[in-house]
Amino acid sequence: MMFLIDWSSPDCVLFCDSTLVGCGGICNGRYFHTVFPAFIRRKQLHINALELLCGMECLKVWASVLDGSKIVIYYDNSSSVTVLNSGACRNAFMQSCLREICFLTASHEFQVKGRHLSGEANRVADMLSRWDMDPGISTEFLKQARINSWTEIELLGDFLFILFIVDTQLRKLQKDTELCKKSAFAEGTYKNLKVQFVSYFLFCTYFNMSPLPILL
């Protein structure tokens, strides 16, 4: 359990930050920055939710090199730290973030703890989150990057955020499934077939599998 783990010497330290527009993070001299896709911005989420989302995206970005590690994520948002460490929240969107973090920790067998630091101390991640808001900020960051030999990680479009689309669809699918229970034995009905196909394609999307050809 987390409180029994010695966190005095983590294997990896991540710094992240979010604005209402985008987010960014840095770890071991490698960094990323991104603008939130339109479907995230339309939700008009509270900054607490966006900060937790950023931490989740950091774990996705570096997951392949974090297997079996003890990871500390630094936020300048105390609410995100509390939610991450407690694993509990009433907000539906933040619950989605927590579920994805749990999936990542189980898949890569790493352990995660959030820690708080001041906004001033988190200046580097703050610049990354504001990258597209002010050209002067990105210019200042790139100067520091050259001095410190930091390198950028190129992200592939909105791929990191796709699971939130899936999560939303899964909730709708649960409701559709409940509606289909009354006709569960009528296997050929349009409604049942539709639910079955949606279930299959969501499964393929979530686990990054090709839906065709279908192998039995």
N, C-alpha and C. Protein backbone atom coordinates (compact mmCIF):
# COMPACT_ATOMS: atom_id res chain seq x y z
N MET A 1 0.85 -1.19 0.00
CA MET A 1 0.00 0.00 0.00
C MET A 1 0.88 1.24 0.00
N MET A 2 0.33 2.37 -0.51
CA MET A 2 1.13 3.56 -0.72
C MET A 2 1.81 4.06 0.55
N PHE A 3 1.09 4.02 1.70
CA PHE A 3 1.67 4.59 2.91
C PHE A 3 2.79 3.72 3.48
N LEU A 4 2.96 2.50 2.99
CA LEU A 4 4.04 1.63 3.44
C LEU A 4 5.27 1.74 2.56
N ILE A 5 5.18 2.48 1.46
CA ILE A 5 6.29 2.60 0.51
C ILE A 5 7.20 3.74 0.91
N ASP A 6 8.50 3.54 0.77
CA ASP A 6 9.47 4.60 1.03
C ASP A 6 9.55 5.49 -0.21
N TRP A 7 9.03 6.72 -0.07
CA TRP A 7 9.01 7.65 -1.20
C TRP A 7 10.15 8.67 -1.13
N SER A 8 11.11 8.46 -0.24
CA SER A 8 12.21 9.42 -0.10
C SER A 8 13.14 9.42 -1.31
N SER A 9 13.18 8.32 -2.04
CA SER A 9 14.06 8.25 -3.22
C SER A 9 13.31 7.60 -4.39
N PRO A 10 12.41 8.35 -5.04
CA PRO A 10 11.66 7.80 -6.18
C PRO A 10 12.57 7.52 -7.36
N ASP A 11 12.14 6.62 -8.22
CA ASP A 11 12.91 6.29 -9.42
C ASP A 11 12.75 7.35 -10.50
N CYS A 12 11.63 8.05 -10.46
CA CYS A 12 11.34 9.02 -11.51
C CYS A 12 10.53 10.17 -10.92
N VAL A 13 10.82 11.39 -11.37
CA VAL A 13 10.10 12.58 -10.92
C VAL A 13 9.54 13.31 -12.14
N LEU A 14 8.24 13.56 -12.13
CA LEU A 14 7.56 14.27 -13.21
C LEU A 14 7.05 15.61 -12.70
N PHE A 15 7.16 16.63 -13.53
CA PHE A 15 6.59 17.94 -13.22
C PHE A 15 5.55 18.26 -14.30
N CYS A 16 4.36 18.64 -13.89
CA CYS A 16 3.32 18.91 -14.88
C CYS A 16 2.50 20.12 -14.49
N ASP A 17 1.79 20.66 -15.48
CA ASP A 17 0.93 21.81 -15.22
C ASP A 17 -0.11 21.93 -16.32
N SER A 18 -1.25 22.51 -15.97
CA SER A 18 -2.33 22.72 -16.94
C SER A 18 -2.84 24.14 -16.88
N THR A 19 -3.37 24.59 -18.01
CA THR A 19 -4.19 25.79 -18.07
C THR A 19 -5.56 25.34 -18.59
N LEU A 20 -6.44 26.28 -18.84
CA LEU A 20 -7.74 25.93 -19.40
C LEU A 20 -7.63 25.58 -20.88
N VAL A 21 -6.46 25.84 -21.46
CA VAL A 21 -6.26 25.64 -22.90
C VAL A 21 -5.42 24.41 -23.21
N GLY A 22 -4.38 24.17 -22.41
CA GLY A 22 -3.47 23.07 -22.71
C GLY A 22 -2.68 22.64 -21.49
N CYS A 23 -1.74 21.73 -21.71
CA CYS A 23 -0.94 21.22 -20.60
C CYS A 23 0.45 20.84 -21.09
N GLY A 24 1.32 20.54 -20.13
CA GLY A 24 2.66 20.12 -20.48
C GLY A 24 3.34 19.46 -19.29
N GLY A 25 4.43 18.75 -19.57
CA GLY A 25 5.17 18.08 -18.50
C GLY A 25 6.61 17.86 -18.89
N ILE A 26 7.44 17.62 -17.89
CA ILE A 26 8.86 17.40 -18.13
C ILE A 26 9.38 16.33 -17.17
N CYS A 27 10.26 15.48 -17.68
CA CYS A 27 10.84 14.40 -16.89
C CYS A 27 12.21 14.06 -17.45
N ASN A 28 13.22 14.11 -16.61
CA ASN A 28 14.58 13.72 -17.01
C ASN A 28 15.04 14.40 -18.29
N GLY A 29 14.74 15.69 -18.40
CA GLY A 29 15.22 16.45 -19.55
C GLY A 29 14.43 16.26 -20.82
N ARG A 30 13.32 15.55 -20.76
CA ARG A 30 12.45 15.39 -21.93
C ARG A 30 11.09 16.00 -21.60
N TYR A 31 10.52 16.70 -22.54
CA TYR A 31 9.30 17.45 -22.25
C TYR A 31 8.29 17.32 -23.40
N PHE A 32 7.03 17.65 -23.07
CA PHE A 32 5.98 17.73 -24.09
C PHE A 32 5.05 18.87 -23.74
N HIS A 33 4.34 19.35 -24.71
CA HIS A 33 3.29 20.34 -24.50
C HIS A 33 2.21 20.08 -25.53
N THR A 34 0.96 20.36 -25.19
CA THR A 34 -0.13 20.10 -26.11
C THR A 34 -1.33 20.98 -25.78
N VAL A 35 -2.12 21.26 -26.79
CA VAL A 35 -3.40 21.96 -26.60
C VAL A 35 -4.47 20.89 -26.41
N PHE A 36 -5.37 21.12 -25.48
CA PHE A 36 -6.45 20.17 -25.27
C PHE A 36 -7.34 20.10 -26.52
N PRO A 37 -7.75 18.91 -26.92
CA PRO A 37 -8.65 18.79 -28.07
C PRO A 37 -9.99 19.46 -27.80
N ALA A 38 -10.72 19.73 -28.86
CA ALA A 38 -11.97 20.50 -28.74
C ALA A 38 -12.97 19.85 -27.79
N PHE A 39 -13.07 18.52 -27.80
CA PHE A 39 -14.08 17.87 -26.95
C PHE A 39 -13.76 18.03 -25.47
N ILE A 40 -12.49 18.23 -25.13
CA ILE A 40 -12.12 18.52 -23.74
C ILE A 40 -12.46 19.97 -23.40
N ARG A 41 -12.12 20.89 -24.29
CA ARG A 41 -12.38 22.32 -24.02
C ARG A 41 -13.88 22.60 -23.92
N ARG A 42 -14.68 21.89 -24.71
CA ARG A 42 -16.13 22.12 -24.67
C ARG A 42 -16.74 21.75 -23.32
N LYS A 43 -16.09 20.88 -22.59
CA LYS A 43 -16.60 20.47 -21.28
C LYS A 43 -16.49 21.58 -20.24
N GLN A 44 -15.65 22.60 -20.52
CA GLN A 44 -15.44 23.72 -19.59
C GLN A 44 -15.13 23.19 -18.18
N LEU A 45 -14.14 22.35 -18.12
CA LEU A 45 -13.78 21.69 -16.87
C LEU A 45 -13.08 22.64 -15.89
N HIS A 46 -13.22 22.32 -14.62
CA HIS A 46 -12.50 23.06 -13.58
C HIS A 46 -11.01 22.76 -13.71
N ILE A 47 -10.19 23.71 -13.31
CA ILE A 47 -8.74 23.53 -13.43
C ILE A 47 -8.25 22.31 -12.64
N ASN A 48 -8.93 21.97 -11.55
CA ASN A 48 -8.53 20.77 -10.79
C ASN A 48 -8.59 19.52 -11.66
N ALA A 49 -9.65 19.41 -12.45
CA ALA A 49 -9.81 18.25 -13.33
C ALA A 49 -8.75 18.25 -14.42
N LEU A 50 -8.44 19.42 -14.95
CA LEU A 50 -7.44 19.51 -16.02
C LEU A 50 -6.03 19.21 -15.51
N GLU A 51 -5.77 19.58 -14.27
CA GLU A 51 -4.46 19.27 -13.67
C GLU A 51 -4.30 17.76 -13.51
N LEU A 52 -5.35 17.10 -13.03
CA LEU A 52 -5.27 15.64 -12.88
C LEU A 52 -5.15 14.97 -14.25
N LEU A 53 -5.86 15.50 -15.23
CA LEU A 53 -5.76 14.99 -16.60
C LEU A 53 -4.32 15.11 -17.11
N CYS A 54 -3.67 16.21 -16.81
CA CYS A 54 -2.28 16.40 -17.24
C CYS A 54 -1.36 15.35 -16.63
N GLY A 55 -1.54 15.08 -15.35
CA GLY A 55 -0.72 14.04 -14.71
C GLY A 55 -0.94 12.69 -15.35
N MET A 56 -2.18 12.40 -15.71
CA MET A 56 -2.49 11.15 -16.39
C MET A 56 -1.80 11.08 -17.74
N GLU A 57 -1.82 12.20 -18.48
CA GLU A 57 -1.18 12.23 -19.79
C GLU A 57 0.34 12.06 -19.66
N CYS A 58 0.93 12.62 -18.61
CA CYS A 58 2.37 12.42 -18.37
C CYS A 58 2.68 10.94 -18.21
N LEU A 59 1.86 10.25 -17.45
CA LEU A 59 2.09 8.82 -17.26
C LEU A 59 1.98 8.06 -18.57
N LYS A 60 1.05 8.48 -19.43
CA LYS A 60 0.93 7.84 -20.74
C LYS A 60 2.17 8.09 -21.60
N VAL A 61 2.64 9.34 -21.58
CA VAL A 61 3.79 9.70 -22.41
C VAL A 61 5.02 8.88 -22.04
N TRP A 62 5.25 8.72 -20.73
CA TRP A 62 6.47 8.05 -20.28
C TRP A 62 6.25 6.61 -19.81
N ALA A 63 5.05 6.08 -20.00
CA ALA A 63 4.72 4.74 -19.47
C ALA A 63 5.70 3.68 -19.91
N SER A 64 6.13 3.73 -21.16
CA SER A 64 6.98 2.65 -21.70
C SER A 64 8.34 2.58 -21.03
N VAL A 65 8.77 3.66 -20.38
CA VAL A 65 10.09 3.65 -19.73
C VAL A 65 9.96 3.67 -18.21
N LEU A 66 8.75 3.48 -17.71
CA LEU A 66 8.52 3.57 -16.26
C LEU A 66 8.17 2.24 -15.62
N ASP A 67 8.27 1.16 -16.36
CA ASP A 67 7.88 -0.15 -15.82
C ASP A 67 8.57 -0.44 -14.48
N GLY A 68 7.76 -0.79 -13.48
CA GLY A 68 8.29 -1.17 -12.19
C GLY A 68 8.86 -0.04 -11.35
N SER A 69 8.58 1.21 -11.72
CA SER A 69 9.19 2.37 -11.05
C SER A 69 8.30 2.94 -9.95
N LYS A 70 8.94 3.67 -9.04
CA LYS A 70 8.23 4.52 -8.08
C LYS A 70 8.27 5.93 -8.66
N ILE A 71 7.10 6.50 -8.92
CA ILE A 71 7.01 7.77 -9.63
C ILE A 71 6.36 8.82 -8.75
N VAL A 72 6.98 9.98 -8.67
CA VAL A 72 6.39 11.13 -7.99
C VAL A 72 6.01 12.16 -9.04
N ILE A 73 4.76 12.61 -8.99
CA ILE A 73 4.29 13.66 -9.89
C ILE A 73 4.09 14.94 -9.08
N TYR A 74 4.76 15.99 -9.49
CA TYR A 74 4.64 17.28 -8.81
C TYR A 74 3.59 18.15 -9.49
N TYR A 75 2.65 18.64 -8.68
CA TYR A 75 1.62 19.57 -9.13
C TYR A 75 1.74 20.86 -8.32
N ASP A 76 1.29 21.98 -8.91
CA ASP A 76 1.12 23.18 -8.10
C ASP A 76 -0.36 23.36 -7.75
N ASN A 77 -1.11 22.26 -7.83
CA ASN A 77 -2.53 22.23 -7.52
C ASN A 77 -2.76 21.19 -6.43
N SER A 78 -3.09 21.64 -5.23
CA SER A 78 -3.18 20.72 -4.09
C SER A 78 -4.36 19.76 -4.21
N SER A 79 -5.45 20.19 -4.86
CA SER A 79 -6.61 19.31 -5.01
C SER A 79 -6.27 18.08 -5.84
N SER A 80 -5.49 18.27 -6.90
CA SER A 80 -5.09 17.14 -7.74
C SER A 80 -4.22 16.16 -6.97
N VAL A 81 -3.36 16.69 -6.11
CA VAL A 81 -2.51 15.84 -5.29
C VAL A 81 -3.37 14.98 -4.36
N THR A 82 -4.36 15.61 -3.73
CA THR A 82 -5.24 14.90 -2.81
C THR A 82 -6.02 13.79 -3.52
N VAL A 83 -6.57 14.11 -4.68
CA VAL A 83 -7.35 13.13 -5.44
C VAL A 83 -6.47 11.97 -5.89
N LEU A 84 -5.29 12.28 -6.40
CA LEU A 84 -4.39 11.23 -6.87
C LEU A 84 -3.98 10.30 -5.74
N ASN A 85 -3.63 10.86 -4.60
CA ASN A 85 -3.14 10.04 -3.49
C ASN A 85 -4.26 9.27 -2.79
N SER A 86 -5.45 9.83 -2.77
CA SER A 86 -6.57 9.15 -2.11
C SER A 86 -7.26 8.15 -3.05
N GLY A 87 -7.16 8.41 -4.35
CA GLY A 87 -7.83 7.55 -5.32
C GLY A 87 -9.33 7.67 -5.30
N ALA A 88 -9.83 8.79 -4.77
CA ALA A 88 -11.27 8.97 -4.65
C ALA A 88 -11.67 10.39 -5.02
N CYS A 89 -12.83 10.50 -5.69
CA CYS A 89 -13.35 11.81 -6.06
C CYS A 89 -14.79 11.65 -6.53
N ARG A 90 -15.62 12.64 -6.28
CA ARG A 90 -17.02 12.56 -6.71
C ARG A 90 -17.21 13.08 -8.14
N ASN A 91 -16.24 13.82 -8.64
CA ASN A 91 -16.35 14.37 -9.99
C ASN A 91 -16.19 13.27 -11.03
N ALA A 92 -17.14 13.17 -11.96
CA ALA A 92 -17.14 12.07 -12.94
C ALA A 92 -15.91 12.10 -13.84
N PHE A 93 -15.51 13.28 -14.27
CA PHE A 93 -14.35 13.38 -15.17
C PHE A 93 -13.07 12.97 -14.45
N MET A 94 -12.91 13.42 -13.22
CA MET A 94 -11.72 13.06 -12.46
C MET A 94 -11.72 11.57 -12.12
N GLN A 95 -12.90 10.99 -11.95
CA GLN A 95 -12.98 9.54 -11.77
C GLN A 95 -12.48 8.81 -13.01
N SER A 96 -12.78 9.37 -14.19
CA SER A 96 -12.27 8.78 -15.43
C SER A 96 -10.75 8.83 -15.47
N CYS A 97 -10.19 9.95 -15.01
CA CYS A 97 -8.73 10.08 -14.94
C CYS A 97 -8.15 9.03 -14.00
N LEU A 98 -8.77 8.87 -12.84
CA LEU A 98 -8.27 7.90 -11.86
C LEU A 98 -8.35 6.48 -12.40
N ARG A 99 -9.42 6.16 -13.11
CA ARG A 99 -9.52 4.82 -13.69
C ARG A 99 -8.40 4.57 -14.69
N GLU A 100 -8.10 5.57 -15.49
CA GLU A 100 -7.04 5.40 -16.48
C GLU A 100 -5.68 5.29 -15.80
N ILE A 101 -5.46 6.05 -14.73
CA ILE A 101 -4.21 5.96 -13.98
C ILE A 101 -4.07 4.57 -13.37
N CYS A 102 -5.17 4.05 -12.81
CA CYS A 102 -5.13 2.69 -12.25
C CYS A 102 -4.80 1.66 -13.32
N PHE A 103 -5.38 1.83 -14.51
CA PHE A 103 -5.09 0.92 -15.61
C PHE A 103 -3.62 0.97 -15.99
N LEU A 104 -3.05 2.18 -16.04
CA LEU A 104 -1.64 2.34 -16.39
C LEU A 104 -0.73 1.72 -15.33
N THR A 105 -1.05 1.95 -14.06
CA THR A 105 -0.20 1.41 -12.99
C THR A 105 -0.23 -0.12 -13.00
N ALA A 106 -1.40 -0.68 -13.28
CA ALA A 106 -1.50 -2.15 -13.34
C ALA A 106 -0.78 -2.70 -14.56
N SER A 107 -0.90 -2.02 -15.69
CA SER A 107 -0.29 -2.50 -16.93
C SER A 107 1.23 -2.45 -16.88
N HIS A 108 1.76 -1.39 -16.25
CA HIS A 108 3.21 -1.19 -16.25
C HIS A 108 3.85 -1.44 -14.88
N GLU A 109 3.02 -1.85 -13.92
CA GLU A 109 3.50 -2.22 -12.59
C GLU A 109 4.35 -1.13 -11.95
N PHE A 110 3.91 0.12 -12.11
CA PHE A 110 4.60 1.19 -11.39
C PHE A 110 3.68 1.75 -10.31
N GLN A 111 4.26 2.52 -9.40
CA GLN A 111 3.53 3.12 -8.29
C GLN A 111 3.65 4.64 -8.41
N VAL A 112 2.57 5.33 -8.07
CA VAL A 112 2.50 6.77 -8.30
C VAL A 112 2.09 7.50 -7.03
N LYS A 113 2.74 8.61 -6.78
CA LYS A 113 2.38 9.48 -5.65
C LYS A 113 2.43 10.93 -6.12
N GLY A 114 1.45 11.72 -5.69
CA GLY A 114 1.44 13.14 -6.01
C GLY A 114 2.05 13.97 -4.89
N ARG A 115 2.76 15.01 -5.27
CA ARG A 115 3.31 15.95 -4.29
C ARG A 115 3.05 17.38 -4.76
N HIS A 116 2.89 18.26 -3.80
CA HIS A 116 2.58 19.65 -4.12
C HIS A 116 3.84 20.51 -4.05
N LEU A 117 3.92 21.48 -4.96
CA LEU A 117 4.96 22.50 -4.89
C LEU A 117 4.36 23.81 -5.35
N SER A 118 5.02 24.89 -5.04
CA SER A 118 4.48 26.21 -5.37
C SER A 118 4.49 26.45 -6.87
N GLY A 119 3.65 27.36 -7.32
CA GLY A 119 3.62 27.70 -8.73
C GLY A 119 4.94 28.25 -9.21
N GLU A 120 5.61 29.01 -8.36
CA GLU A 120 6.92 29.56 -8.73
C GLU A 120 7.94 28.45 -8.94
N ALA A 121 7.91 27.45 -8.07
CA ALA A 121 8.85 26.33 -8.19
C ALA A 121 8.53 25.44 -9.39
N ASN A 122 7.29 25.55 -9.87
CA ASN A 122 6.87 24.73 -11.02
C ASN A 122 6.90 25.54 -12.32
N ARG A 123 7.78 26.49 -12.39
CA ARG A 123 7.83 27.44 -13.50
C ARG A 123 8.04 26.76 -14.85
N VAL A 124 8.89 25.74 -14.90
CA VAL A 124 9.19 25.08 -16.19
C VAL A 124 7.92 24.44 -16.76
N ALA A 125 7.22 23.66 -15.94
CA ALA A 125 5.98 23.03 -16.41
C ALA A 125 4.92 24.08 -16.73
N ASP A 126 4.93 25.17 -15.98
CA ASP A 126 3.97 26.25 -16.23
C ASP A 126 4.17 26.84 -17.62
N MET A 127 5.42 27.02 -18.03
CA MET A 127 5.70 27.55 -19.36
C MET A 127 5.22 26.59 -20.44
N LEU A 128 5.37 25.29 -20.20
CA LEU A 128 4.92 24.30 -21.17
C LEU A 128 3.40 24.35 -21.35
N SER A 129 2.68 24.52 -20.25
CA SER A 129 1.22 24.55 -20.33
C SER A 129 0.72 25.81 -21.03
N ARG A 130 1.52 26.88 -21.01
CA ARG A 130 1.14 28.16 -21.63
C ARG A 130 1.79 28.36 -22.99
N TRP A 131 2.36 27.30 -23.53
CA TRP A 131 3.14 27.37 -24.77
C TRP A 131 2.40 28.08 -25.90
N ASP A 132 1.15 27.74 -26.11
CA ASP A 132 0.38 28.28 -27.23
C ASP A 132 -0.39 29.54 -26.87
N MET A 133 -0.21 30.05 -25.67
CA MET A 133 -0.92 31.25 -25.25
C MET A 133 -0.13 32.51 -25.50
N ASP A 134 1.19 32.39 -25.53
CA ASP A 134 2.05 33.56 -25.68
C ASP A 134 3.36 33.14 -26.34
N PRO A 135 3.67 33.67 -27.54
CA PRO A 135 4.91 33.30 -28.22
C PRO A 135 6.16 33.59 -27.39
N GLY A 136 6.08 34.60 -26.54
CA GLY A 136 7.22 34.93 -25.69
C GLY A 136 7.56 33.83 -24.71
N ILE A 137 6.54 33.11 -24.24
CA ILE A 137 6.77 32.02 -23.29
C ILE A 137 7.50 30.87 -23.95
N SER A 138 7.07 30.49 -25.15
CA SER A 138 7.74 29.39 -25.84
C SER A 138 9.17 29.76 -26.21
N THR A 139 9.39 31.03 -26.57
CA THR A 139 10.75 31.49 -26.88
C THR A 139 11.65 31.40 -25.66
N GLU A 140 11.12 31.84 -24.51
CA GLU A 140 11.89 31.78 -23.27
C GLU A 140 12.21 30.33 -22.90
N PHE A 141 11.22 29.45 -23.06
CA PHE A 141 11.46 28.04 -22.72
C PHE A 141 12.52 27.43 -23.62
N LEU A 142 12.46 27.70 -24.91
CA LEU A 142 13.42 27.11 -25.84
C LEU A 142 14.85 27.56 -25.53
N LYS A 143 15.00 28.76 -25.03
CA LYS A 143 16.33 29.22 -24.60
C LYS A 143 16.84 28.34 -23.46
N GLN A 144 15.97 28.11 -22.48
CA GLN A 144 16.36 27.25 -21.36
C GLN A 144 16.61 25.82 -21.82
N ALA A 145 15.81 25.36 -22.78
CA ALA A 145 15.98 24.00 -23.29
C ALA A 145 17.34 23.81 -23.94
N ARG A 146 17.78 24.81 -24.69
CA ARG A 146 19.10 24.73 -25.34
C ARG A 146 20.22 24.72 -24.30
N ILE A 147 20.07 25.54 -23.28
CA ILE A 147 21.09 25.63 -22.23
C ILE A 147 21.20 24.31 -21.47
N ASN A 148 20.03 23.69 -21.20
CA ASN A 148 19.99 22.47 -20.38
C ASN A 148 19.94 21.18 -21.19
N SER A 149 19.99 21.31 -22.52
CA SER A 149 19.94 20.14 -23.43
C SER A 149 18.67 19.32 -23.24
N TRP A 150 17.54 20.00 -23.04
CA TRP A 150 16.25 19.32 -22.97
C TRP A 150 15.79 18.98 -24.38
N THR A 151 15.07 17.88 -24.53
CA THR A 151 14.56 17.47 -25.84
C THR A 151 13.05 17.30 -25.79
N GLU A 152 12.41 17.61 -26.89
CA GLU A 152 10.94 17.55 -26.96
C GLU A 152 10.46 16.18 -27.42
N ILE A 153 9.36 15.74 -26.84
CA ILE A 153 8.68 14.52 -27.27
C ILE A 153 7.52 14.93 -28.17
N GLU A 154 7.52 14.44 -29.39
CA GLU A 154 6.45 14.76 -30.33
C GLU A 154 5.24 13.86 -30.05
N LEU A 155 4.09 14.49 -29.88
CA LEU A 155 2.86 13.74 -29.64
C LEU A 155 2.10 13.56 -30.94
N LEU A 156 1.39 12.45 -31.06
CA LEU A 156 0.63 12.14 -32.27
C LEU A 156 -0.81 12.62 -32.12
N GLY A 157 -1.06 13.85 -32.50
CA GLY A 157 -2.42 14.38 -32.50
C GLY A 157 -3.08 14.27 -31.14
N ASP A 158 -4.35 13.85 -31.15
CA ASP A 158 -5.13 13.73 -29.91
C ASP A 158 -5.14 12.31 -29.38
N PHE A 159 -4.16 11.48 -29.80
CA PHE A 159 -4.19 10.07 -29.43
C PHE A 159 -4.27 9.87 -27.92
N LEU A 160 -3.54 10.67 -27.16
CA LEU A 160 -3.50 10.48 -25.71
C LEU A 160 -4.87 10.67 -25.06
N PHE A 161 -5.73 11.45 -25.70
CA PHE A 161 -7.01 11.77 -25.09
C PHE A 161 -8.15 10.88 -25.57
N ILE A 162 -7.86 9.96 -26.50
CA ILE A 162 -8.92 9.19 -27.14
C ILE A 162 -9.71 8.35 -26.15
N LEU A 163 -9.08 7.91 -25.05
CA LEU A 163 -9.78 7.03 -24.12
C LEU A 163 -10.90 7.74 -23.38
N PHE A 164 -10.87 9.08 -23.34
CA PHE A 164 -11.97 9.79 -22.72
C PHE A 164 -13.21 9.76 -23.60
N ILE A 165 -13.00 9.72 -24.91
CA ILE A 165 -14.12 9.52 -25.81
C ILE A 165 -14.71 8.13 -25.56
N VAL A 166 -13.82 7.14 -25.44
CA VAL A 166 -14.25 5.77 -25.18
C VAL A 166 -14.99 5.68 -23.86
N ASP A 167 -14.46 6.34 -22.83
CA ASP A 167 -15.08 6.28 -21.52
C ASP A 167 -16.50 6.82 -21.56
N THR A 168 -16.70 7.92 -22.28
CA THR A 168 -18.04 8.50 -22.43
C THR A 168 -18.96 7.53 -23.15
N GLN A 169 -18.44 6.90 -24.19
CA GLN A 169 -19.25 5.95 -24.95
C GLN A 169 -19.58 4.71 -24.12
N LEU A 170 -18.67 4.32 -23.24
CA LEU A 170 -18.93 3.16 -22.38
C LEU A 170 -20.10 3.42 -21.44
N ARG A 171 -20.20 4.64 -20.94
CA ARG A 171 -21.32 4.97 -20.07
C ARG A 171 -22.64 4.90 -20.83
N LYS A 172 -22.63 5.42 -22.06
CA LYS A 172 -23.84 5.33 -22.89
C LYS A 172 -24.17 3.87 -23.19
N LEU A 173 -23.11 3.09 -23.41
CA LEU A 173 -23.31 1.68 -23.73
C LEU A 173 -23.97 0.94 -22.56
N GLN A 174 -23.59 1.31 -21.33
CA GLN A 174 -24.20 0.68 -20.16
C GLN A 174 -25.71 0.91 -20.15
N LYS A 175 -26.12 2.15 -20.48
CA LYS A 175 -27.55 2.46 -20.51
C LYS A 175 -28.25 1.67 -21.63
N ASP A 176 -27.60 1.62 -22.79
CA ASP A 176 -28.19 0.87 -23.91
C ASP A 176 -28.35 -0.61 -23.56
N THR A 177 -27.37 -1.14 -22.85
CA THR A 177 -27.42 -2.55 -22.46
C THR A 177 -28.59 -2.81 -21.52
N GLU A 178 -28.83 -1.88 -20.60
CA GLU A 178 -29.96 -2.03 -19.68
C GLU A 178 -31.28 -2.05 -20.45
N LEU A 179 -31.36 -1.21 -21.48
CA LEU A 179 -32.59 -1.15 -22.28
C LEU A 179 -32.82 -2.43 -23.07
N CYS A 180 -31.72 -3.12 -23.39
CA CYS A 180 -31.82 -4.34 -24.20
C CYS A 180 -32.14 -5.59 -23.39
N LYS A 181 -32.08 -5.49 -22.08
CA LYS A 181 -32.26 -6.68 -21.26
C LYS A 181 -33.62 -7.36 -21.47
N LYS A 182 -34.65 -6.54 -21.70
CA LYS A 182 -35.99 -7.11 -21.84
C LYS A 182 -36.10 -7.99 -23.08
N SER A 183 -35.30 -7.66 -24.09
CA SER A 183 -35.35 -8.46 -25.32
C SER A 183 -34.06 -9.24 -25.51
N ALA A 184 -33.48 -9.68 -24.40
CA ALA A 184 -32.16 -10.32 -24.43
C ALA A 184 -32.15 -11.60 -25.25
N PHE A 185 -33.30 -12.27 -25.36
CA PHE A 185 -33.33 -13.54 -26.09
C PHE A 185 -33.63 -13.36 -27.57
N ALA A 186 -34.01 -12.16 -27.95
CA ALA A 186 -34.27 -11.88 -29.37
C ALA A 186 -32.98 -11.41 -30.01
N GLU A 187 -32.09 -12.35 -30.29
CA GLU A 187 -30.73 -12.03 -30.69
C GLU A 187 -30.65 -11.26 -32.01
N GLY A 188 -31.66 -11.37 -32.84
CA GLY A 188 -31.57 -10.73 -34.15
C GLY A 188 -32.13 -9.33 -34.20
N THR A 189 -32.65 -8.81 -33.09
CA THR A 189 -33.23 -7.47 -33.13
C THR A 189 -32.15 -6.43 -33.41
N TYR A 190 -32.56 -5.37 -34.09
CA TYR A 190 -31.62 -4.31 -34.46
C TYR A 190 -30.94 -3.71 -33.23
N LYS A 191 -31.75 -3.49 -32.19
CA LYS A 191 -31.21 -2.85 -30.99
C LYS A 191 -30.10 -3.69 -30.37
N ASN A 192 -30.34 -5.00 -30.25
CA ASN A 192 -29.33 -5.87 -29.65
C ASN A 192 -28.08 -5.98 -30.51
N LEU A 193 -28.28 -6.11 -31.82
CA LEU A 193 -27.13 -6.20 -32.72
C LEU A 193 -26.28 -4.94 -32.66
N LYS A 194 -26.95 -3.79 -32.57
CA LYS A 194 -26.23 -2.52 -32.49
C LYS A 194 -25.37 -2.46 -31.24
N VAL A 195 -25.94 -2.85 -30.11
CA VAL A 195 -25.20 -2.84 -28.85
C VAL A 195 -24.01 -3.79 -28.91
N GLN A 196 -24.21 -4.96 -29.52
CA GLN A 196 -23.12 -5.92 -29.63
C GLN A 196 -21.97 -5.37 -30.48
N PHE A 197 -22.31 -4.73 -31.60
CA PHE A 197 -21.27 -4.17 -32.46
C PHE A 197 -20.54 -3.02 -31.78
N VAL A 198 -21.30 -2.15 -31.10
CA VAL A 198 -20.67 -1.03 -30.39
C VAL A 198 -19.74 -1.55 -29.31
N SER A 199 -20.17 -2.57 -28.58
CA SER A 199 -19.32 -3.16 -27.53
C SER A 199 -18.01 -3.66 -28.11
N TYR A 200 -18.12 -4.35 -29.22
CA TYR A 200 -16.92 -4.92 -29.85
C TYR A 200 -15.97 -3.83 -30.32
N PHE A 201 -16.48 -2.80 -30.98
CA PHE A 201 -15.61 -1.75 -31.51
C PHE A 201 -15.01 -0.90 -30.39
N LEU A 202 -15.74 -0.69 -29.31
CA LEU A 202 -15.17 0.03 -28.17
C LEU A 202 -14.05 -0.77 -27.53
N PHE A 203 -14.25 -2.08 -27.43
CA PHE A 203 -13.20 -2.95 -26.89
C PHE A 203 -11.94 -2.83 -27.74
N CYS A 204 -12.11 -2.87 -29.06
CA CYS A 204 -10.95 -2.77 -29.97
C CYS A 204 -10.27 -1.42 -29.84
N THR A 205 -11.07 -0.35 -29.71
CA THR A 205 -10.50 0.99 -29.57
C THR A 205 -9.71 1.12 -28.29
N TYR A 206 -10.28 0.64 -27.18
CA TYR A 206 -9.63 0.79 -25.88
C TYR A 206 -8.31 0.05 -25.82
N PHE A 207 -8.26 -1.15 -26.40
CA PHE A 207 -7.05 -1.95 -26.34
C PHE A 207 -6.21 -1.85 -27.61
N ASN A 208 -6.51 -0.82 -28.42
CA ASN A 208 -5.70 -0.52 -29.60
C ASN A 208 -5.55 -1.74 -30.52
N MET A 209 -6.67 -2.40 -30.78
CA MET A 209 -6.69 -3.58 -31.64
C MET A 209 -7.45 -3.27 -32.92
N SER A 210 -7.07 -3.93 -33.99
CA SER A 210 -7.79 -3.78 -35.25
C SER A 210 -9.10 -4.57 -35.20
N PRO A 211 -10.24 -3.94 -35.50
CA PRO A 211 -11.51 -4.66 -35.43
C PRO A 211 -11.69 -5.68 -36.54
N LEU A 212 -10.95 -5.51 -37.62
CA LEU A 212 -11.03 -6.44 -38.75
C LEU A 212 -9.63 -6.85 -39.19
N PRO A 213 -9.39 -8.09 -39.61
CA PRO A 213 -10.38 -9.17 -39.64
C PRO A 213 -10.66 -9.72 -38.25
N ILE A 214 -11.83 -10.28 -38.08
CA ILE A 214 -12.22 -10.88 -36.80
C ILE A 214 -11.73 -12.32 -36.77
N LEU A 215 -10.86 -12.62 -35.81
CA LEU A 215 -10.32 -13.98 -35.70
C LEU A 215 -11.03 -14.71 -34.58
N LEU A 216 -11.53 -15.86 -34.86
CA LEU A 216 -12.23 -16.67 -33.85
C LEU A 216 -11.30 -17.72 -33.28
